[in-house]
C-alpha atoms as a PDB file:
ATOM      1  CA  ALA A   1      15.105  -2.567  -2.835  1.00  0.00           C
ATOM      2  CA  TRP A   2      12.151  -0.419  -2.698  1.00  0.00           C
ATOM      3  CA  GLN A   3      10.159  -2.784  -4.605  1.00  0.00           C
ATOM      4  CA  GLU A   4      10.962  -5.651  -2.469  1.00  0.00           C
ATOM      5  CA  LEU A   5       9.950  -3.398   0.510  1.00  0.00           C
ATOM      6  CA  LEU A   6       6.604  -2.801  -0.852  1.00  0.00           C
ATOM      7  CA  LYS A   7       6.130  -6.649  -1.545  1.00  0.00           C
ATOM      8  CA  VAL A   8       7.076  -7.496   1.980  1.00  0.00           C
ATOM      9  CA  MET A   9       4.681  -4.852   3.213  1.00  0.00           C
ATOM     10  CA  ARG A  10       1.749  -6.128   0.945  1.00  0.00           C
ATOM     11  CA  THR A  11       2.116  -9.730   2.684  1.00  0.00           C
ATOM     12  CA  ILE A  12      -1.157  -9.177   4.822  1.00  0.00           C
ATOM     13  CA  ASP A  13      -2.917  -8.275   1.472  1.00  0.00           C
ATOM     14  CA  ASP A  14      -1.517 -11.476  -0.345  1.00  0.00           C
ATOM     15  CA  ARG A  15      -2.486 -13.588   2.459  1.00  0.00           C
ATOM     16  CA  ILE A  16      -6.026 -12.282   3.417  1.00  0.00           C
ATOM     17  CA  VAL A  17      -8.039 -14.837   1.835  1.00  0.00           C
ATOM     18  CA  HIS A  18      -6.025 -17.639   3.606  1.00  0.00           C
ATOM     19  CA  GLU A  19      -6.057 -15.742   6.795  1.00  0.00           C
ATOM     20  CA  LEU A  20      -9.945 -15.331   6.778  1.00  0.00           C
ATOM     21  CA  ASN A  21     -10.236 -18.948   5.835  1.00  0.00           C
ATOM     22  CA  THR A  22      -8.193 -20.053   8.565  1.00  0.00           C
ATOM     23  CA  THR A  23      -9.565 -17.698  11.304  1.00  0.00           C
ATOM     24  CA  VAL A  24     -12.958 -16.724  10.721  1.00  0.00           C
ATOM     25  CA  PRO A  25     -15.392 -19.770  10.966  1.00  0.00           C
ATOM     26  CA  THR A  26     -18.149 -20.648   8.588  1.00  0.00           C
ATOM     27  CA  ALA A  27     -21.664 -21.156   9.927  1.00  0.00           C
ATOM     28  CA  SER A  28     -21.215 -24.774  11.349  1.00  0.00           C
ATOM     29  CA  PHE A  29     -18.057 -23.776  13.283  1.00  0.00           C
ATOM     30  CA  ALA A  30     -19.433 -20.260  14.328  1.00  0.00           C
ATOM     31  CA  GLY A  31     -19.673 -21.172  18.176  1.00  0.00           C
ATOM     32  CA  LYS A  32     -16.028 -22.351  18.455  1.00  0.00           C
ATOM     33  CA  ILE A  33     -14.267 -19.217  17.796  1.00  0.00           C
ATOM     34  CA  ASP A  34     -14.664 -15.601  18.484  1.00  0.00           C
ATOM     35  CA  ALA A  35     -15.053 -14.326  15.008  1.00  0.00           C
ATOM     36  CA  SER A  36     -15.838 -10.783  15.983  1.00  0.00           C
ATOM     37  CA  GLN A  37     -12.645 -10.332  17.764  1.00  0.00           C
ATOM     38  CA  THR A  38     -10.680 -12.028  15.077  1.00  0.00           C
ATOM     39  CA  CYS A  39     -12.228  -9.690  12.291  1.00  0.00           C
ATOM     40  CA  LYS A  40     -11.538  -6.640  14.407  1.00  0.00           C
ATOM     41  CA  GLN A  41      -7.824  -7.738  14.841  1.00  0.00           C
ATOM     42  CA  LEU A  42      -7.542  -8.022  11.190  1.00  0.00           C
ATOM     43  CA  TYR A  43      -9.423  -4.888  10.304  1.00  0.00           C
ATOM     44  CA  GLU A  44      -6.942  -3.042  12.527  1.00  0.00           C
ATOM     45  CA  SER A  45      -3.743  -4.797  11.051  1.00  0.00           C
ATOM     46  CA  LEU A  46      -5.136  -3.943   7.521  1.00  0.00           C
ATOM     47  CA  ARG A  47      -5.665  -0.460   8.522  1.00  0.00           C
ATOM     48  CA  GLU A  48      -2.000  -0.208   9.938  1.00  0.00           C
ATOM     49  CA  ALA A  49      -0.512  -1.817   6.839  1.00  0.00           C
ATOM     50  CA  HIS A  50      -2.450   0.507   4.219  1.00  0.00           C
ATOM     51  CA  ALA A  51      -1.475   3.402   6.250  1.00  0.00           C
ATOM     52  CA  SER A  52       2.219   2.570   6.621  1.00  0.00           C
ATOM     53  CA  ARG A  53       2.490   1.553   2.970  1.00  0.00           C
ATOM     54  CA  ASP A  54       0.714   4.859   1.717  1.00  0.00           C
ATOM     55  CA  ARG A  55       3.101   6.935   4.133  1.00  0.00           C
ATOM     56  CA  VAL A  56       6.334   5.144   2.834  1.00  0.00           C
ATOM     57  CA  ILE A  57       5.160   5.725  -0.995  1.00  0.00           C
ATOM     58  CA  LYS A  58       4.197   9.231  -0.439  1.00  0.00           C
ATOM     59  CA  ASN A  59       7.428   9.960   1.379  1.00  0.00           C
ATOM     60  CA  CYS A  60       9.425   8.560  -1.614  1.00  0.00           C
ATOM     61  CA  ILE A  61       7.513  10.472  -4.095  1.00  0.00           C
ATOM     62  CA  ALA A  62       8.008  13.615  -1.964  1.00  0.00           C
ATOM     63  CA  GLN A  63      11.826  13.014  -1.855  1.00  0.00           C
ATOM     64  CA  THR A  64      12.001  12.009  -5.544  1.00  0.00           C
ATOM     65  CA  SER A  65      10.161  14.937  -6.492  1.00  0.00           C
ATOM     66  CA  SER A  66      12.507  17.160  -4.782  1.00  0.00           C
ATOM     67  CA  VAL A  67      15.574  15.466  -6.411  1.00  0.00           C
ATOM     68  CA  VAL A  68      13.551  16.212  -9.830  1.00  0.00           C
ATOM     69  CA  LYS A  69      13.008  19.762  -8.988  1.00  0.00           C
ATOM     70  CA  HIS A  70      16.544  20.431  -8.142  1.00  0.00           C
ATOM     71  CA  LEU A  71      17.946  18.681 -11.084  1.00  0.00           C
ATOM     72  CA  ARG A  72      15.374  20.562 -13.578  1.00  0.00           C
ATOM     73  CA  GLU A  73      16.736  23.709 -11.910  1.00  0.00           C
ATOM     74  CA  GLU A  74      20.421  22.657 -12.460  1.00  0.00           C
ATOM     75  CA  ARG A  75      19.684  21.499 -15.935  1.00  0.00           C
ATOM     76  CA  GLU A  76      18.256  25.142 -16.857  1.00  0.00           C
ATOM     77  CA  LYS A  77      21.396  26.621 -15.758  1.00  0.00           C
ATOM     78  CA  ASN A  78      23.432  24.267 -17.794  1.00  0.00           C
ATOM     79  CA  LEU A  79      21.663  23.018 -20.896  1.00  0.00           C
ATOM     80  CA  ASP A  80      24.992  21.267 -22.283  1.00  0.00           C
ATOM     81  CA  ASP A  81      25.660  19.134 -19.327  1.00  0.00           C
ATOM     82  CA  LEU A  82      24.215  15.545 -20.692  1.00  0.00           C
ATOM     83  CA  THR A  83      25.158  13.890 -17.550  1.00  0.00           C
ATOM     84  CA  LEU A  84      22.737  16.051 -15.672  1.00  0.00           C
ATOM     85  CA  LEU A  85      20.177  15.323 -18.530  1.00  0.00           C
ATOM     86  CA  LYS A  86      20.533  11.573 -18.107  1.00  0.00           C
ATOM     87  CA  GLN A  87      20.243  11.834 -14.347  1.00  0.00           C
ATOM     88  CA  LEU A  88      17.268  13.928 -14.413  1.00  0.00           C
ATOM     89  CA  ARG A  89      15.535  11.477 -16.945  1.00  0.00           C
ATOM     90  CA  LYS A  90      16.104   8.653 -14.595  1.00  0.00           C
ATOM     91  CA  GLU A  91      14.853  10.293 -11.665  1.00  0.00           C
ATOM     92  CA  GLN A  92      11.662  11.319 -13.569  1.00  0.00           C
ATOM     93  CA  THR A  93      11.221   7.822 -14.652  1.00  0.00           C
ATOM     94  CA  LYS A  94      11.741   6.803 -11.008  1.00  0.00           C
ATOM     95  CA  LEU A  95       9.006   9.207 -10.064  1.00  0.00           C
ATOM     96  CA  LYS A  96       6.644   8.063 -12.565  1.00  0.00           C
ATOM     97  CA  TRP A  97       7.089   4.515 -11.393  1.00  0.00           C
ATOM     98  CA  MET A  98       6.633   5.581  -7.651  1.00  0.00           C
ATOM     99  CA  GLN A  99       3.439   7.386  -8.750  1.00  0.00           C
ATOM    100  CA  SER A 100       2.074   4.226 -10.610  1.00  0.00           C
ATOM    101  CA  GLU A 101       2.588   2.328  -7.430  1.00  0.00           C
ATOM    102  CA  LEU A 102      -0.032   4.705  -5.754  1.00  0.00           C
ATOM    103  CA  ASN A 103      -2.415   3.296  -8.307  1.00  0.00           C
ATOM    104  CA  VAL A 104      -1.361  -0.353  -7.652  1.00  0.00           C
ATOM    105  CA  GLU A 105      -1.969   0.291  -3.901  1.00  0.00           C
ATOM    106  CA  GLU A 106      -5.482   1.400  -4.215  1.00  0.00           C
ATOM    107  CA  VAL A 107      -6.319  -1.790  -6.271  1.00  0.00           C
ATOM    108  CA  VAL A 108      -4.605  -4.012  -3.445  1.00  0.00           C
ATOM    109  CA  ASN A 109      -6.263  -2.170  -1.100  1.00  0.00           C
ATOM    110  CA  ASP A 110      -9.868  -2.261  -2.646  1.00  0.00           C
ATOM    111  CA  ARG A 111      -9.503  -6.139  -3.183  1.00  0.00           C
ATOM    112  CA  SER A 112      -8.421  -6.611   0.451  1.00  0.00           C
ATOM    113  CA  TRP A 113     -11.421  -4.643   1.840  1.00  0.00           C
ATOM    114  CA  LYS A 114     -13.785  -6.454  -0.335  1.00  0.00           C
ATOM    115  CA  VAL A 115     -12.706  -9.896   0.776  1.00  0.00           C
ATOM    116  CA  PHE A 116     -12.692  -8.697   4.542  1.00  0.00           C
ATOM    117  CA  ASN A 117     -16.115  -7.161   4.127  1.00  0.00           C
ATOM    118  CA  GLU A 118     -17.483 -10.451   2.643  1.00  0.00           C
ATOM    119  CA  ARG A 119     -16.187 -12.597   5.532  1.00  0.00           C
ATOM    120  CA  CYS A 120     -16.412 -10.076   8.319  1.00  0.00           C
ATOM    121  CA  ARG A 121     -19.522  -8.027   7.651  1.00  0.00           C
ATOM    122  CA  ILE A 122     -21.953  -9.989  10.045  1.00  0.00           C
ATOM    123  CA  HIS A 123     -19.083 -10.296  12.545  1.00  0.00           C
ATOM    124  CA  PHE A 124     -17.500  -6.719  12.781  1.00  0.00           C
ATOM    125  CA  LYS A 125     -18.730  -3.323  12.073  1.00  0.00           C
ATOM    126  CA  PRO A 126     -15.787  -0.907  11.571  1.00  0.00           C
ATOM    127  CA  PRO A 127     -16.090   2.518  13.448  1.00  0.00           C
ATOM    128  CA  LYS A 128     -18.287   4.966  11.187  1.00  0.00           C
ATOM    129  CA  ASN A 129     -15.433   7.776  11.167  1.00  0.00           C
ATOM    130  CA  GLU A 130     -13.141   5.404   9.015  1.00  0.00           C
END
């Protein structure tokens, strides 16, 4: 379910090339569409999507880290409990997977910003503080 949520949340990044092709005009159509406003809106959408995904992933990592810590403490108290060991390993695997999603997120974000900057750099300049 978590992976499906991330997939849905990454829709804007998956469709950025199409979005730019359909909304930001080429030089021959530049007079018919306000590209600066379109790029500004897309910039805001990308920023919000990236921040939202970052928060979701980091919150999940924090929660899972807490569960792993608790299970480790329980495991130290009861070294013979194999069920506890299996549960701990399962949660550790989940935590590693979530941490790897941060790397995936970085790649997805970098790709999106690269495409955005290629098409929008002449139409829109993001604020300096970001």
